[in-house]
Amino acid sequence: MSLKKLFTEHPDAVGESYFEHMGVALSFAGPLLAAGLAALVHAFLPFLCVTSASVTVKRLYARMTNRTPHTAAHNSADRMLGWDPVI
């Protein structure tokens, strides 16, 4: 398998360029990190961050399951996100 294919096979499969896919993945990473920190705080201080992690995970799950891949009809210059990255 070529090095390029390692970096582009999955983004291509969901109809995104490498950098589009990176942006989407990073848009999930930040909230997941914050949710993890909230869960860590909640583990030691259960009266804090009672629903922070679960609300974040539910919101991100809804975003991920409602995604629709780009169609091949769009070329990379005209490609717009096929779903709303910020709900």
Protein backbone atom coordinates (compact mmCIF):
# COMPACT_ATOMS: atom_id res chain seq x y z
CA MET A 1 0.00 0.00 0.00
CA SER A 2 1.38 3.39 -0.95
CA LEU A 3 2.02 6.07 1.63
CA LYS A 4 -0.41 8.43 -0.11
CA LYS A 5 -3.15 5.80 -0.04
CA LEU A 6 -2.68 5.38 3.72
CA PHE A 7 -3.55 9.05 4.19
CA THR A 8 -6.31 9.38 1.59
CA GLU A 9 -8.20 6.07 1.43
CA HIS A 10 -10.55 6.73 4.36
CA PRO A 11 -11.18 10.44 3.60
CA ASP A 12 -11.93 9.49 -0.02
CA ALA A 13 -14.35 6.80 1.20
CA VAL A 14 -16.42 9.42 3.01
CA GLY A 15 -16.17 11.94 0.17
CA GLU A 16 -13.71 14.34 1.77
CA SER A 17 -10.24 15.54 1.00
CA TYR A 18 -7.46 14.85 3.50
CA PHE A 19 -7.70 18.38 4.93
CA GLU A 20 -11.52 18.39 5.01
CA HIS A 21 -11.42 15.13 6.94
CA MET A 22 -8.76 16.53 9.27
CA GLY A 23 -11.02 19.49 10.04
CA VAL A 24 -13.99 17.26 10.78
CA ALA A 25 -11.91 14.97 12.99
CA LEU A 26 -10.50 17.94 14.88
CA SER A 27 -14.00 19.35 15.35
CA PHE A 28 -14.77 16.14 17.25
CA ALA A 29 -11.45 16.00 19.12
CA GLY A 30 -11.86 19.25 21.05
CA PRO A 31 -15.29 18.49 22.51
CA LEU A 32 -14.22 14.91 23.27
CA LEU A 33 -11.17 16.15 25.17
CA ALA A 34 -13.35 18.58 27.13
CA ALA A 35 -15.85 15.80 27.88
CA GLY A 36 -13.04 13.56 29.08
CA LEU A 37 -11.78 16.27 31.41
CA ALA A 38 -15.32 16.85 32.70
CA ALA A 39 -15.67 13.11 33.37
CA LEU A 40 -12.34 13.13 35.21
CA VAL A 41 -13.46 16.04 37.40
CA HIS A 42 -16.80 14.30 37.98
CA ALA A 43 -15.02 11.10 39.07
CA PHE A 44 -13.39 12.90 42.00
CA LEU A 45 -16.04 15.57 42.64
CA PRO A 46 -19.36 13.93 41.70
CA PHE A 47 -21.34 17.09 42.41
CA LEU A 48 -19.53 18.86 39.51
CA CYS A 49 -19.94 18.26 35.77
CA VAL A 50 -22.92 15.99 36.38
CA THR A 51 -24.10 15.90 32.76
CA SER A 52 -21.28 17.61 30.86
CA ALA A 53 -19.68 14.49 29.39
CA SER A 54 -22.92 12.68 28.52
CA VAL A 55 -24.46 15.74 26.85
CA THR A 56 -21.31 16.22 24.74
CA VAL A 57 -21.14 12.56 23.72
CA LYS A 58 -24.84 12.53 22.74
CA ARG A 59 -24.41 15.72 20.67
CA LEU A 60 -21.34 14.35 18.90
CA TYR A 61 -23.04 11.00 18.28
CA ALA A 62 -25.97 12.83 16.64
CA ARG A 63 -23.54 14.77 14.43
CA MET A 64 -21.69 11.64 13.39
CA THR A 65 -24.75 9.53 12.63
CA ASN A 66 -26.43 12.33 10.66
CA ARG A 67 -23.46 12.88 8.36
CA THR A 68 -23.97 12.30 4.67
CA PRO A 69 -20.98 11.68 2.43
CA HIS A 70 -20.16 14.04 -0.41
CA THR A 71 -21.18 12.93 -3.85
CA ALA A 72 -18.53 12.18 -6.44
CA ALA A 73 -20.20 14.73 -8.75
CA HIS A 74 -18.53 17.61 -6.93
CA ASN A 75 -14.97 18.32 -7.84
CA SER A 76 -12.56 19.32 -5.10
CA ALA A 77 -12.68 23.03 -6.00
CA ASP A 78 -16.49 23.19 -5.70
CA ARG A 79 -16.83 20.78 -2.79
CA MET A 80 -18.88 22.06 0.14
CA LEU A 81 -19.50 20.17 3.35
CA GLY A 82 -22.46 17.85 2.85
CA TRP A 83 -23.52 18.19 6.46
CA ASP A 84 -23.50 20.84 9.14
CA PRO A 85 -20.29 20.47 11.16
CA VAL A 86 -21.63 22.61 14.00
CA ILE A 87 -24.99 21.74 15.50
